[in-house]
PDB file of N, CA and C in Angstrom:
ATOM      1  N   MET A   1     153.142  97.807  39.290  1.00  0.00           N
ATOM      2  CA  MET A   1     152.015  98.352  39.917  1.00  0.00           C
ATOM      3  C   MET A   1     152.478  98.450  41.519  1.00  0.00           C
ATOM      4  N   ASP A   2     153.486  98.706  41.676  1.00  0.00           N
ATOM      5  CA  ASP A   2     154.111  99.154  43.054  1.00  0.00           C
ATOM      6  C   ASP A   2     153.616  97.976  44.048  1.00  0.00           C
ATOM      7  N   GLY A   3     153.881  96.735  43.968  1.00  0.00           N
ATOM      8  CA  GLY A   3     153.472  95.599  44.648  1.00  0.00           C
ATOM      9  C   GLY A   3     151.813  95.437  44.832  1.00  0.00           C
ATOM     10  N   VAL A   4     151.012  96.207  44.221  1.00  0.00           N
ATOM     11  CA  VAL A   4     149.511  95.846  44.079  1.00  0.00           C
ATOM     12  C   VAL A   4     149.147  94.759  43.199  1.00  0.00           C
ATOM     13  N   SER A   5     148.462  93.942  43.349  1.00  0.00           N
ATOM     14  CA  SER A   5     148.102  92.890  42.538  1.00  0.00           C
ATOM     15  C   SER A   5     146.671  92.936  42.193  1.00  0.00           C
ATOM     16  N   LEU A   6     146.276  92.707  41.023  1.00  0.00           N
ATOM     17  CA  LEU A   6     144.665  92.761  40.732  1.00  0.00           C
ATOM     18  C   LEU A   6     144.407  91.337  40.829  1.00  0.00           C
ATOM     19  N   ARG A   7     143.436  91.017  41.783  1.00  0.00           N
ATOM     20  CA  ARG A   7     143.103  89.553  41.923  1.00  0.00           C
ATOM     21  C   ARG A   7     141.416  89.767  41.960  1.00  0.00           C
ATOM     22  N   LEU A   8     141.030  89.022  41.088  1.00  0.00           N
ATOM     23  CA  LEU A   8     139.500  88.962  40.762  1.00  0.00           C
ATOM     24  C   LEU A   8     138.957  87.635  41.381  1.00  0.00           C
ATOM     25  N   PRO A   9     137.788  87.688  41.836  1.00  0.00           N
ATOM     26  CA  PRO A   9     137.312  86.273  42.342  1.00  0.00           C
ATOM     27  C   PRO A   9     137.100  85.159  41.100  1.00  0.00           C
ATOM     28  N   THR A  10     137.249  84.070  41.419  1.00  0.00           N
ATOM     29  CA  THR A  10     137.153  83.082  40.454  1.00  0.00           C
ATOM     30  C   THR A  10     135.821  83.080  39.524  1.00  0.00           C
ATOM     31  N   ALA A  11     134.836  83.677  40.290  1.00  0.00           N
ATOM     32  CA  ALA A  11     133.551  83.705  39.432  1.00  0.00           C
ATOM     33  C   ALA A  11     133.600  84.685  38.300  1.00  0.00           C
ATOM     34  N   ALA A  12     134.304  85.726  38.741  1.00  0.00           N
ATOM     35  CA  ALA A  12     134.731  86.742  37.537  1.00  0.00           C
ATOM     36  C   ALA A  12     135.567  86.327  36.457  1.00  0.00           C
ATOM     37  N   TRP A  13     136.423  85.543  36.686  1.00  0.00           N
ATOM     38  CA  TRP A  13     137.267  84.961  35.449  1.00  0.00           C
ATOM     39  C   TRP A  13     136.532  83.764  34.767  1.00  0.00           C
ATOM     40  N   SER A  14     135.516  83.138  35.443  1.00  0.00           N
ATOM     41  CA  SER A  14     134.795  82.103  34.646  1.00  0.00           C
ATOM     42  C   SER A  14     133.847  82.676  33.735  1.00  0.00           C
ATOM     43  N   THR A  15     133.564  83.938  33.814  1.00  0.00           N
ATOM     44  CA  THR A  15     132.519  84.607  32.923  1.00  0.00           C
ATOM     45  C   THR A  15     133.288  85.414  31.694  1.00  0.00           C
ATOM     46  N   MET A  16     134.597  85.163  31.766  1.00  0.00           N
ATOM     47  CA  MET A  16     135.439  85.937  30.636  1.00  0.00           C
ATOM     48  C   MET A  16     135.737  84.772  29.735  1.00  0.00           C
ATOM     49  N   VAL A  17     135.854  85.416  28.417  1.00  0.00           N
ATOM     50  CA  VAL A  17     136.182  84.572  27.276  1.00  0.00           C
ATOM     51  C   VAL A  17     137.149  85.333  26.597  1.00  0.00           C
ATOM     52  N   ARG A  18     138.185  84.821  25.807  1.00  0.00           N
ATOM     53  CA  ARG A  18     139.013  85.533  25.206  1.00  0.00           C
ATOM     54  C   ARG A  18     138.731  85.570  23.447  1.00  0.00           C
ATOM     55  N   ALA A  19     138.637  86.557  22.918  1.00  0.00           N
ATOM     56  CA  ALA A  19     138.200  86.633  21.626  1.00  0.00           C
ATOM     57  C   ALA A  19     139.315  87.713  20.875  1.00  0.00           C
ATOM     58  N   GLY A  20     140.305  87.057  20.127  1.00  0.00           N
ATOM     59  CA  GLY A  20     141.377  87.799  19.581  1.00  0.00           C
ATOM     60  C   GLY A  20     142.077  88.436  20.500  1.00  0.00           C
ATOM     61  N   GLY A  21     142.453  87.767  21.626  1.00  0.00           N
ATOM     62  CA  GLY A  21     143.273  88.035  22.637  1.00  0.00           C
ATOM     63  C   GLY A  21     142.776  89.069  23.702  1.00  0.00           C
ATOM     64  N   LEU A  22     141.528  89.608  23.336  1.00  0.00           N
ATOM     65  CA  LEU A  22     140.945  90.541  24.271  1.00  0.00           C
ATOM     66  C   LEU A  22     139.892  89.876  25.161  1.00  0.00           C
ATOM     67  N   PRO A  23     139.832  90.376  26.465  1.00  0.00           N
ATOM     68  CA  PRO A  23     138.775  89.817  27.269  1.00  0.00           C
ATOM     69  C   PRO A  23     137.515  90.042  26.774  1.00  0.00           C
ATOM     70  N   VAL A  24     136.454  89.224  26.716  1.00  0.00           N
ATOM     71  CA  VAL A  24     135.048  89.541  26.572  1.00  0.00           C
ATOM     72  C   VAL A  24     134.151  89.081  27.695  1.00  0.00           C
ATOM     73  N   TYR A  25     133.398  89.623  28.207  1.00  0.00           N
ATOM     74  CA  TYR A  25     132.742  89.127  29.449  1.00  0.00           C
ATOM     75  C   TYR A  25     131.215  89.093  29.000  1.00  0.00           C
ATOM     76  N   TYR A  26     130.692  88.025  29.659  1.00  0.00           N
ATOM     77  CA  TYR A  26     129.226  87.647  29.569  1.00  0.00           C
ATOM     78  C   TYR A  26     128.466  88.742  30.095  1.00  0.00           C
ATOM     79  N   PRO A  27     127.730  89.253  29.236  1.00  0.00           N
ATOM     80  CA  PRO A  27     126.857  90.543  29.851  1.00  0.00           C
ATOM     81  C   PRO A  27     126.169  90.464  30.971  1.00  0.00           C
ATOM     82  N   PRO A  28     125.241  89.292  31.054  1.00  0.00           N
ATOM     83  CA  PRO A  28     124.762  89.477  32.543  1.00  0.00           C
ATOM     84  C   PRO A  28     125.606  89.312  33.722  1.00  0.00           C
ATOM     85  N   ALA A  29     126.881  89.020  33.456  1.00  0.00           N
ATOM     86  CA  ALA A  29     127.913  89.065  34.686  1.00  0.00           C
ATOM     87  C   ALA A  29     128.079  90.394  35.248  1.00  0.00           C
ATOM     88  N   PHE A  30     127.742  91.492  34.670  1.00  0.00           N
ATOM     89  CA  PHE A  30     127.665  92.689  35.157  1.00  0.00           C
ATOM     90  C   PHE A  30     126.937  92.790  36.394  1.00  0.00           C
ATOM     91  N   PHE A  31     125.646  92.441  36.281  1.00  0.00           N
ATOM     92  CA  PHE A  31     124.832  92.608  37.494  1.00  0.00           C
ATOM     93  C   PHE A  31     125.288  91.892  38.800  1.00  0.00           C
ATOM     94  N   TRP A  32     125.865  90.617  38.549  1.00  0.00           N
ATOM     95  CA  TRP A  32     126.485  89.974  39.532  1.00  0.00           C
ATOM     96  C   TRP A  32     127.771  90.805  40.097  1.00  0.00           C
ATOM     97  N   TRP A  33     128.548  91.422  39.168  1.00  0.00           N
ATOM     98  CA  TRP A  33     129.683  92.058  39.814  1.00  0.00           C
ATOM     99  C   TRP A  33     129.083  93.317  40.437  1.00  0.00           C
ATOM    100  N   TRP A  34     128.173  94.085  39.782  1.00  0.00           N
ATOM    101  CA  TRP A  34     127.594  95.077  40.435  1.00  0.00           C
ATOM    102  C   TRP A  34     127.172  94.897  41.954  1.00  0.00           C
ATOM    103  N   PHE A  35     126.341  93.737  42.083  1.00  0.00           N
ATOM    104  CA  PHE A  35     126.102  93.239  43.426  1.00  0.00           C
ATOM    105  C   PHE A  35     127.161  92.902  44.511  1.00  0.00           C
ATOM    106  N   SER A  36     128.106  92.446  43.753  1.00  0.00           N
ATOM    107  CA  SER A  36     129.334  92.059  44.802  1.00  0.00           C
ATOM    108  C   SER A  36     130.415  93.238  45.034  1.00  0.00           C
ATOM    109  N   PHE A  37     130.599  94.147  44.107  1.00  0.00           N
ATOM    110  CA  PHE A  37     131.529  95.024  44.247  1.00  0.00           C
ATOM    111  C   PHE A  37     131.206  96.547  44.316  1.00  0.00           C
ATOM    112  N   ASP A  38     129.927  96.727  44.393  1.00  0.00           N
ATOM    113  CA  ASP A  38     129.323  98.188  44.275  1.00  0.00           C
ATOM    114  C   ASP A  38     129.908  98.909  45.459  1.00  0.00           C
ATOM    115  N   ALA A  39     130.061  98.372  46.598  1.00  0.00           N
ATOM    116  CA  ALA A  39     130.778  99.297  47.758  1.00  0.00           C
ATOM    117  C   ALA A  39     131.889  99.500  47.392  1.00  0.00           C
ATOM    118  N   TYR A  40     132.883  98.935  46.732  1.00  0.00           N
ATOM    119  CA  TYR A  40     134.286  99.258  46.330  1.00  0.00           C
ATOM    120  C   TYR A  40     134.288 100.280  45.326  1.00  0.00           C
ATOM    121  N   ALA A  41     133.470 100.301  44.293  1.00  0.00           N
ATOM    122  CA  ALA A  41     133.690 101.029  43.169  1.00  0.00           C
ATOM    123  C   ALA A  41     132.251 101.664  42.486  1.00  0.00           C
ATOM    124  N   PRO A  42     131.456 102.307  43.332  1.00  0.00           N
ATOM    125  CA  PRO A  42     130.009 102.595  43.114  1.00  0.00           C
ATOM    126  C   PRO A  42     129.947 103.481  41.757  1.00  0.00           C
ATOM    127  N   GLY A  43     131.068 104.388  41.518  1.00  0.00           N
ATOM    128  CA  GLY A  43     130.970 105.305  40.283  1.00  0.00           C
ATOM    129  C   GLY A  43     131.293 104.649  39.157  1.00  0.00           C
ATOM    130  N   ILE A  44     131.894 103.616  39.103  1.00  0.00           N
ATOM    131  CA  ILE A  44     132.214 102.822  37.833  1.00  0.00           C
ATOM    132  C   ILE A  44     130.826 102.210  37.494  1.00  0.00           C
ATOM    133  N   PHE A  45     130.294 101.549  38.389  1.00  0.00           N
ATOM    134  CA  PHE A  45     128.849 100.956  38.197  1.00  0.00           C
ATOM    135  C   PHE A  45     128.014 101.697  37.814  1.00  0.00           C
ATOM    136  N   MET A  46     127.866 102.915  38.278  1.00  0.00           N
ATOM    137  CA  MET A  46     126.882 103.816  37.811  1.00  0.00           C
ATOM    138  C   MET A  46     127.055 104.434  36.445  1.00  0.00           C
ATOM    139  N   GLU A  47     128.244 104.493  36.175  1.00  0.00           N
ATOM    140  CA  GLU A  47     128.726 105.027  34.730  1.00  0.00           C
ATOM    141  C   GLU A  47     128.073 103.812  33.798  1.00  0.00           C
ATOM    142  N   ALA A  48     128.655 102.358  34.190  1.00  0.00           N
ATOM    143  CA  ALA A  48     128.145 101.483  33.258  1.00  0.00           C
ATOM    144  C   ALA A  48     126.640 101.240  33.120  1.00  0.00           C
ATOM    145  N   ALA A  49     125.998 101.648  34.383  1.00  0.00           N
ATOM    146  CA  ALA A  49     124.692 101.567  34.298  1.00  0.00           C
ATOM    147  C   ALA A  49     124.134 102.583  33.272  1.00  0.00           C
ATOM    148  N   ALA A  50     124.456 103.562  33.492  1.00  0.00           N
ATOM    149  CA  ALA A  50     124.071 104.940  32.513  1.00  0.00           C
ATOM    150  C   ALA A  50     124.445 104.464  30.953  1.00  0.00           C
ATOM    151  N   ILE A  51     125.650 103.905  30.550  1.00  0.00           N
ATOM    152  CA  ILE A  51     126.076 103.534  29.395  1.00  0.00           C
ATOM    153  C   ILE A  51     124.726 102.529  28.779  1.00  0.00           C
ATOM    154  N   ALA A  52     124.674 101.437  29.640  1.00  0.00           N
ATOM    155  CA  ALA A  52     123.752 100.277  29.333  1.00  0.00           C
ATOM    156  C   ALA A  52     122.203 100.918  29.083  1.00  0.00           C
ATOM    157  N   THR A  53     121.848 101.724  29.906  1.00  0.00           N
ATOM    158  CA  THR A  53     120.613 102.341  29.976  1.00  0.00           C
ATOM    159  C   THR A  53     120.301 103.193  28.900  1.00  0.00           C
ATOM    160  N   SER A  54     121.526 104.154  28.405  1.00  0.00           N
ATOM    161  CA  SER A  54     121.133 104.870  27.195  1.00  0.00           C
ATOM    162  C   SER A  54     121.226 104.087  25.975  1.00  0.00           C
ATOM    163  N   GLY A  55     121.897 103.070  25.772  1.00  0.00           N
ATOM    164  CA  GLY A  55     121.781 102.115  24.696  1.00  0.00           C
ATOM    165  C   GLY A  55     120.425 101.816  24.309  1.00  0.00           C
ATOM    166  N   GLY A  56     119.563 101.415  25.497  1.00  0.00           N
ATOM    167  CA  GLY A  56     118.237 101.005  25.364  1.00  0.00           C
ATOM    168  C   GLY A  56     117.260 102.074  24.986  1.00  0.00           C
ATOM    169  N   ILE A  57     117.580 103.234  25.552  1.00  0.00           N
ATOM    170  CA  ILE A  57     116.660 104.401  25.215  1.00  0.00           C
ATOM    171  C   ILE A  57     116.936 104.930  23.914  1.00  0.00           C
ATOM    172  N   LEU A  58     118.235 104.818  23.565  1.00  0.00           N
ATOM    173  CA  LEU A  58     118.307 105.283  22.090  1.00  0.00           C
ATOM    174  C   LEU A  58     117.765 104.227  21.238  1.00  0.00           C
ATOM    175  N   ALA A  59     117.721 103.089  21.421  1.00  0.00           N
ATOM    176  CA  ALA A  59     117.269 102.028  20.540  1.00  0.00           C
ATOM    177  C   ALA A  59     115.550 102.266  20.469  1.00  0.00           C
ATOM    178  N   ILE A  60     115.009 102.448  21.652  1.00  0.00           N
ATOM    179  CA  ILE A  60     113.538 102.739  21.641  1.00  0.00           C
ATOM    180  C   ILE A  60     113.395 104.108  20.990  1.00  0.00           C
ATOM    181  N   ALA A  61     114.063 105.163  21.007  1.00  0.00           N
ATOM    182  CA  ALA A  61     113.951 106.455  20.302  1.00  0.00           C
ATOM    183  C   ALA A  61     114.065 106.185  18.782  1.00  0.00           C
ATOM    184  N   ALA A  62     114.960 105.562  18.288  1.00  0.00           N
ATOM    185  CA  ALA A  62     115.254 105.265  16.896  1.00  0.00           C
ATOM    186  C   ALA A  62     113.938 104.526  16.478  1.00  0.00           C
ATOM    187  N   ALA A  63     113.481 103.501  17.179  1.00  0.00           N
ATOM    188  CA  ALA A  63     112.353 102.807  16.615  1.00  0.00           C
ATOM    189  C   ALA A  63     111.141 103.475  16.696  1.00  0.00           C
ATOM    190  N   ILE A  64     110.829 104.567  17.447  1.00  0.00           N
ATOM    191  CA  ILE A  64     109.881 105.430  17.396  1.00  0.00           C
ATOM    192  C   ILE A  64     110.000 106.401  16.125  1.00  0.00           C
ATOM    193  N   VAL A  65     110.929 106.831  16.028  1.00  0.00           N
ATOM    194  CA  VAL A  65     111.458 107.846  14.840  1.00  0.00           C
ATOM    195  C   VAL A  65     111.043 107.044  13.534  1.00  0.00           C
ATOM    196  N   MET A  66     111.616 105.978  13.441  1.00  0.00           N
ATOM    197  CA  MET A  66     111.647 105.156  12.180  1.00  0.00           C
ATOM    198  C   MET A  66     110.153 104.808  11.962  1.00  0.00           C
ATOM    199  N   SER A  67     109.362 104.372  12.911  1.00  0.00           N
ATOM    200  CA  SER A  67     107.962 104.073  12.584  1.00  0.00           C
ATOM    201  C   SER A  67     107.058 105.414  12.292  1.00  0.00           C
ATOM    202  N   ILE A  68     107.546 106.408  12.883  1.00  0.00           N
ATOM    203  CA  ILE A  68     106.883 108.054  12.396  1.00  0.00           C
ATOM    204  C   ILE A  68     107.119 108.019  10.929  1.00  0.00           C
ATOM    205  N   ILE A  69     108.347 107.902  10.451  1.00  0.00           N
ATOM    206  CA  ILE A  69     108.847 108.163   9.076  1.00  0.00           C
ATOM    207  C   ILE A  69     108.200 107.063   8.225  1.00  0.00           C
ATOM    208  N   ARG A  70     108.009 105.926   8.534  1.00  0.00           N
ATOM    209  CA  ARG A  70     107.393 104.881   7.726  1.00  0.00           C
ATOM    210  C   ARG A  70     106.030 105.168   7.709  1.00  0.00           C
ATOM    211  N   ALA A  71     105.181 105.802   8.666  1.00  0.00           N
ATOM    212  CA  ALA A  71     103.824 105.917   8.757  1.00  0.00           C
ATOM    213  C   ALA A  71     103.509 107.144   7.685  1.00  0.00           C
ATOM    214  N   ARG A  72     104.444 107.999   7.784  1.00  0.00           N
ATOM    215  CA  ARG A  72     104.240 109.223   6.756  1.00  0.00           C
ATOM    216  C   ARG A  72     104.565 108.825   5.300  1.00  0.00           C
ATOM    217  N   GLU A  73     105.409 107.909   5.185  1.00  0.00           N
ATOM    218  CA  GLU A  73     105.583 107.508   3.680  1.00  0.00           C
ATOM    219  C   GLU A  73     104.331 106.633   3.262  1.00  0.00           C
ATOM    220  N   ALA A  74     103.794 105.856   4.176  1.00  0.00           N
ATOM    221  CA  ALA A  74     102.591 104.917   3.812  1.00  0.00           C
ATOM    222  C   ALA A  74     101.611 105.823   3.280  1.00  0.00           C
ATOM    223  N   ALA A  75     101.456 106.990   3.566  1.00  0.00           N
ATOM    224  CA  ALA A  75     100.191 107.903   3.077  1.00  0.00           C
ATOM    225  C   ALA A  75     100.528 108.056   1.421  1.00  0.00           C
ATOM    226  N   ASN A  76     101.719 108.001   1.072  1.00  0.00           N
ATOM    227  CA  ASN A  76     101.792 108.356  -0.241  1.00  0.00           C
ATOM    228  C   ASN A  76     102.013 107.209  -1.156  1.00  0.00           C
ATOM    229  N   VAL A  77     101.930 105.952  -0.641  1.00  0.00           N
ATOM    230  CA  VAL A  77     102.155 104.692  -1.369  1.00  0.00           C
ATOM    231  C   VAL A  77     100.892 104.468  -2.341  1.00  0.00           C
ATOM    232  N   ALA A  78     101.136 104.136  -3.711  1.00  0.00           N
ATOM    233  CA  ALA A  78     100.121 103.941  -4.624  1.00  0.00           C
ATOM    234  C   ALA A  78     100.120 102.390  -4.971  1.00  0.00           C
ATOM    235  N   THR A  79     100.907 101.448  -4.654  1.00  0.00           N
ATOM    236  CA  THR A  79     101.083 100.202  -5.145  1.00  0.00           C
ATOM    237  C   THR A  79     100.500  99.140  -4.155  1.00  0.00           C
ATOM    238  N   TYR A  80     100.254  99.610  -2.800  1.00  0.00           N
ATOM    239  CA  TYR A  80      99.759  98.523  -1.910  1.00  0.00           C
ATOM    240  C   TYR A  80      98.624  99.302  -1.418  1.00  0.00           C
ATOM    241  N   ARG A  81      97.496  98.538  -1.307  1.00  0.00           N
ATOM    242  CA  ARG A  81      96.368  98.987  -0.835  1.00  0.00           C
ATOM    243  C   ARG A  81      95.697 100.163  -1.230  1.00  0.00           C
ATOM    244  N   SER A  82      95.859 100.213  -2.603  1.00  0.00           N
ATOM    245  CA  SER A  82      95.541 101.402  -3.274  1.00  0.00           C
ATOM    246  C   SER A  82      94.094 100.997  -4.101  1.00  0.00           C
ATOM    247  N   ALA A  83      93.655  99.853  -3.989  1.00  0.00           N
ATOM    248  CA  ALA A  83      92.527  99.478  -4.732  1.00  0.00           C
ATOM    249  C   ALA A  83      91.148 100.225  -4.223  1.00  0.00           C
ATOM    250  N   ARG A  84      90.249 100.453  -5.000  1.00  0.00           N
ATOM    251  CA  ARG A  84      89.074 101.159  -4.449  1.00  0.00           C
ATOM    252  C   ARG A  84      87.860 100.734  -5.259  1.00  0.00           C
ATOM    253  N   TRP A  85      86.708 101.130  -5.028  1.00  0.00           N
ATOM    254  CA  TRP A  85      85.595 100.983  -5.855  1.00  0.00           C
ATOM    255  C   TRP A  85      85.434 101.940  -6.845  1.00  0.00           C
ATOM    256  N   ALA A  86      85.103 101.747  -8.113  1.00  0.00           N
ATOM    257  CA  ALA A  86      84.994 102.602  -9.178  1.00  0.00           C
ATOM    258  C   ALA A  86      83.767 103.390  -9.029  1.00  0.00           C
ATOM    259  N   GLU A  87      84.050 104.497  -9.605  1.00  0.00           N
ATOM    260  CA  GLU A  87      82.699 105.569  -9.649  1.00  0.00           C
ATOM    261  C   GLU A  87      81.915 105.267 -10.973  1.00  0.00           C
ATOM    262  N   ASP A  88      80.599 105.605 -10.938  1.00  0.00           N
ATOM    263  CA  ASP A  88      79.811 105.393 -12.109  1.00  0.00           C
ATOM    264  C   ASP A  88      80.422 105.873 -13.618  1.00  0.00           C
ATOM    265  N   ARG A  89      81.065 107.175 -13.456  1.00  0.00           N
ATOM    266  CA  ARG A  89      81.570 107.727 -14.640  1.00  0.00           C
ATOM    267  C   ARG A  89      82.694 106.831 -15.088  1.00  0.00           C
ATOM    268  N   GLU A  90      83.622 106.347 -14.208  1.00  0.00           N
ATOM    269  CA  GLU A  90      84.564 105.546 -14.583  1.00  0.00           C
ATOM    270  C   GLU A  90      84.247 104.109 -15.168  1.00  0.00           C
ATOM    271  N   ILE A  91      83.183 103.564 -14.642  1.00  0.00           N
ATOM    272  CA  ILE A  91      82.602 102.241 -15.220  1.00  0.00           C
ATOM    273  C   ILE A  91      82.162 102.610 -16.465  1.00  0.00           C
ATOM    274  N   HIS A  92      81.281 103.572 -16.937  1.00  0.00           N
ATOM    275  CA  HIS A  92      80.823 103.757 -18.164  1.00  0.00           C
ATOM    276  C   HIS A  92      81.828 104.071 -19.153  1.00  0.00           C
ATOM    277  N   SER A  93      82.854 104.805 -18.819  1.00  0.00           N
ATOM    278  CA  SER A  93      83.835 105.459 -19.774  1.00  0.00           C
ATOM    279  C   SER A  93      84.600 104.250 -20.173  1.00  0.00           C
ATOM    280  N   ALA A  94      84.867 103.116 -19.169  1.00  0.00           N
ATOM    281  CA  ALA A  94      85.661 101.890 -19.498  1.00  0.00           C
ATOM    282  C   ALA A  94      84.856 100.839 -20.398  1.00  0.00           C
ATOM    283  N   GLY A  95      83.592 101.230 -20.453  1.00  0.00           N
ATOM    284  CA  GLY A  95      82.661 100.247 -21.287  1.00  0.00           C
ATOM    285  C   GLY A  95      82.205  98.852 -20.640  1.00  0.00           C
ATOM    286  N   LEU A  96      82.457  99.010 -19.318  1.00  0.00           N
ATOM    287  CA  LEU A  96      81.994  97.706 -18.522  1.00  0.00           C
ATOM    288  C   LEU A  96      80.702  97.207 -18.407  1.00  0.00           C
ATOM    289  N   LEU A  97      79.758  98.205 -18.884  1.00  0.00           N
ATOM    290  CA  LEU A  97      78.312  98.025 -18.872  1.00  0.00           C
ATOM    291  C   LEU A  97      77.644  97.281 -19.956  1.00  0.00           C
ATOM    292  N   GLY A  98      78.407  96.715 -20.792  1.00  0.00           N
ATOM    293  CA  GLY A  98      77.955  95.960 -22.201  1.00  0.00           C
ATOM    294  C   GLY A  98      76.811  94.859 -21.913  1.00  0.00           C
ATOM    295  N   PRO A  99      76.132  94.505 -22.760  1.00  0.00           N
ATOM    296  CA  PRO A  99      75.129  93.307 -22.903  1.00  0.00           C
ATOM    297  C   PRO A  99      75.626  91.966 -22.607  1.00  0.00           C
ATOM    298  N   ASP A 100      76.889  91.676 -23.037  1.00  0.00           N
ATOM    299  CA  ASP A 100      77.481  90.364 -22.870  1.00  0.00           C
ATOM    300  C   ASP A 100      79.102  90.371 -22.404  1.00  0.00           C
ATOM    301  N   GLY A 101      79.303  89.138 -21.907  1.00  0.00           N
ATOM    302  CA  GLY A 101      80.869  88.988 -21.487  1.00  0.00           C
ATOM    303  C   GLY A 101      80.714  88.416 -19.999  1.00  0.00           C
ATOM    304  N   VAL A 102      81.864  88.195 -19.585  1.00  0.00           N
ATOM    305  CA  VAL A 102      81.963  87.826 -18.138  1.00  0.00           C
ATOM    306  C   VAL A 102      81.444  88.792 -17.126  1.00  0.00           C
ATOM    307  N   VAL A 103      80.685  88.460 -16.207  1.00  0.00           N
ATOM    308  CA  VAL A 103      80.126  89.381 -15.133  1.00  0.00           C
ATOM    309  C   VAL A 103      81.224  89.552 -14.049  1.00  0.00           C
ATOM    310  N   LEU A 104      81.842  90.787 -13.861  1.00  0.00           N
ATOM    311  CA  LEU A 104      82.657  91.103 -12.927  1.00  0.00           C
ATOM    312  C   LEU A 104      81.967  91.452 -11.624  1.00  0.00           C
ATOM    313  N   GLY A 105      80.897  92.007 -11.637  1.00  0.00           N
ATOM    314  CA  GLY A 105      80.271  92.544 -10.642  1.00  0.00           C
ATOM    315  C   GLY A 105      78.814  93.496 -11.018  1.00  0.00           C
ATOM    316  N   ARG A 106      78.497  94.035 -10.007  1.00  0.00           N
ATOM    317  CA  ARG A 106      77.021  94.899 -10.279  1.00  0.00           C
ATOM    318  C   ARG A 106      77.285  96.257  -9.721  1.00  0.00           C
ATOM    319  N   CYS A 107      76.744  97.187 -10.366  1.00  0.00           N
ATOM    320  CA  CYS A 107      76.655  98.764 -10.197  1.00  0.00           C
ATOM    321  C   CYS A 107      75.122  99.007 -10.106  1.00  0.00           C
ATOM    322  N   ASP A 108      74.545  99.332  -8.997  1.00  0.00           N
ATOM    323  CA  ASP A 108      73.024  99.563  -8.959  1.00  0.00           C
ATOM    324  C   ASP A 108      72.362  98.420  -9.698  1.00  0.00           C
ATOM    325  N   ARG A 109      71.698  98.711 -10.892  1.00  0.00           N
ATOM    326  CA  ARG A 109      71.055  97.624 -11.727  1.00  0.00           C
ATOM    327  C   ARG A 109      71.723  97.026 -12.890  1.00  0.00           C
ATOM    328  N   ASP A 110      72.940  97.622 -13.113  1.00  0.00           N
ATOM    329  CA  ASP A 110      73.630  97.124 -14.169  1.00  0.00           C
ATOM    330  C   ASP A 110      74.718  96.185 -13.775  1.00  0.00           C
ATOM    331  N   TYR A 111      75.210  95.361 -14.587  1.00  0.00           N
ATOM    332  CA  TYR A 111      76.088  94.466 -14.426  1.00  0.00           C
ATOM    333  C   TYR A 111      77.427  94.697 -15.074  1.00  0.00           C
ATOM    334  N   HIS A 112      78.609  94.446 -14.465  1.00  0.00           N
ATOM    335  CA  HIS A 112      79.844  94.814 -15.186  1.00  0.00           C
ATOM    336  C   HIS A 112      80.277  93.566 -15.844  1.00  0.00           C
ATOM    337  N   VAL A 113      80.405  93.826 -17.146  1.00  0.00           N
ATOM    338  CA  VAL A 113      80.826  92.618 -17.951  1.00  0.00           C
ATOM    339  C   VAL A 113      82.022  92.726 -18.593  1.00  0.00           C
ATOM    340  N   SER A 114      82.974  91.889 -18.893  1.00  0.00           N
ATOM    341  CA  SER A 114      84.206  92.037 -19.662  1.00  0.00           C
ATOM    342  C   SER A 114      84.151  91.082 -20.823  1.00  0.00           C
TER     343      SER A 114
END
């Protein structure tokens, strides 16, 4: 490197861990580095900030799109929250208005029995 040595402050090395031989940095350390070294490399920190911000924006957009898709699917579901009150003709055709049996409920003046 033509006599130029890369020297990072001790604080920078203390935030680094090796995983599989590659350096992995503690993510919040980015903000300390930005504060300390922005004057020396502002373009790099702005690019890193754009990458970090775009990840959050993409995650929010994905959550919104997925919730819209789920809400549209919920309108067609027939297994959950599909219970409803029976109409009079359905009650009569099912024979639930007999004179004896277990009382299930009441419709007008008639009792539902089973």
